[in-house]
Protein backbone atom coordinates (compact mmCIF):
# COMPACT_ATOMS: atom_id res chain seq x y z
CA MET A 1 -16.91 -11.64 -11.24
CA ASP A 2 -17.82 -13.62 -8.19
CA PRO A 3 -18.92 -11.06 -5.75
CA ASP A 4 -16.86 -12.44 -2.68
CA VAL A 5 -13.42 -11.99 -5.17
CA ALA A 6 -14.95 -8.34 -5.93
CA ASP A 7 -15.47 -7.35 -2.45
CA SER A 8 -12.34 -8.69 -1.37
CA LEU A 9 -10.35 -6.45 -4.07
CA ARG A 10 -12.42 -3.53 -2.89
CA ASP A 11 -11.05 -4.31 0.35
CA SER A 12 -7.62 -4.51 -0.69
CA GLN A 13 -8.10 -1.40 -2.89
CA PHE A 14 -9.64 0.48 0.34
CA ALA A 15 -6.78 -0.77 2.93
CA PHE A 16 -4.15 1.15 -0.01
CA GLU A 17 -5.81 3.98 -0.20
CA LYS A 18 -5.88 4.45 3.81
CA ALA A 19 -2.31 3.41 3.97
CA MET A 20 -1.33 5.67 0.90
CA SER A 21 -3.20 8.50 3.21
CA LYS A 22 -1.21 7.67 5.90
CA ILE A 23 2.21 8.56 4.23
CA SER A 24 0.81 11.75 2.59
CA LYS A 25 -0.17 12.94 5.73
CA ALA A 26 3.50 12.03 6.99
CA THR A 27 5.16 13.82 4.39
CA ALA A 28 2.51 16.62 4.16
CA GLY A 29 4.09 20.07 3.72
CA TYR A 30 7.53 18.38 2.25
CA ARG A 31 8.25 19.07 -1.02
CA ARG A 32 10.68 16.47 -3.21
CA ASP A 33 12.60 19.62 -5.25
CA LEU A 34 13.42 21.47 -1.65
CA SER A 35 15.63 20.46 0.71
CA VAL A 36 14.38 20.35 3.85
CA GLU A 37 14.75 18.57 7.36
CA ILE A 38 12.23 15.74 7.90
CA GLU A 39 11.15 15.60 11.34
CA PRO A 40 12.25 12.39 12.64
CA THR A 41 8.63 11.44 13.87
CA ALA A 42 7.45 11.68 10.20
CA ILE A 43 9.75 8.61 9.50
CA PRO A 44 8.19 5.75 10.93
CA MET A 45 4.76 7.02 10.31
CA ALA A 46 5.97 6.95 6.41
CA LYS A 47 7.48 3.62 6.44
CA GLU A 48 4.29 1.92 8.58
CA GLY A 49 1.88 3.35 5.80
CA TRP A 50 4.22 2.14 3.20
CA ASP A 51 4.58 -1.04 4.91
CA GLU A 52 0.37 -1.43 5.43
CA GLY A 53 0.30 -0.33 1.66
CA ARG A 54 2.60 -3.33 0.47
CA GLN A 55 0.52 -5.53 2.92
CA ALA A 56 -2.88 -4.27 0.78
CA LEU A 57 -1.47 -4.39 -2.74
CA ASN A 58 -0.13 -8.13 -2.11
CA SER A 59 -3.48 -9.32 -0.82
CA PHE A 60 -4.65 -7.68 -3.82
CA PHE A 61 -2.26 -9.41 -5.86
CA VAL A 62 -2.99 -12.83 -4.63
CA THR A 63 -7.01 -12.36 -4.69
CA LEU A 64 -6.36 -11.96 -8.38
CA ASN A 65 -4.21 -14.61 -8.99
CA GLU A 66 -6.36 -16.91 -7.42
CA ALA A 67 -9.53 -15.41 -9.34
CA THR A 68 -8.09 -15.95 -12.78
CA GLY A 69 -5.98 -18.98 -12.42
CA LEU A 70 -2.86 -17.32 -13.14
CA ASP A 71 0.26 -16.53 -11.27
CA GLU A 72 1.47 -13.53 -12.91
CA LEU A 73 1.38 -10.89 -10.42
CA ARG A 74 3.99 -11.07 -7.98
CA THR A 75 4.16 -9.48 -4.43
CA ILE A 76 6.57 -7.28 -3.10
CA PRO A 77 8.72 -8.66 -0.24
CA PRO A 78 9.00 -6.77 3.45
CA ALA A 79 12.14 -4.42 3.31
CA GLY A 80 15.16 -5.75 4.70
């Protein structure tokens, strides 16, 4: 694999992991099986993390499609 492609894939991976960490921090202390009120301030932070993760994953998909010459992996559209 071309080193530039590998670096781009790794950068996308790190950006995705950072975004997922943001979601984890926004939802820390909440359990899915308990009905609890989620603080209104946590929702925008979680949505921001989701969107950043979506963009990072899309970047990974685009780089992989370009590197392989295929167009198999579809990007995730924005919410709405």
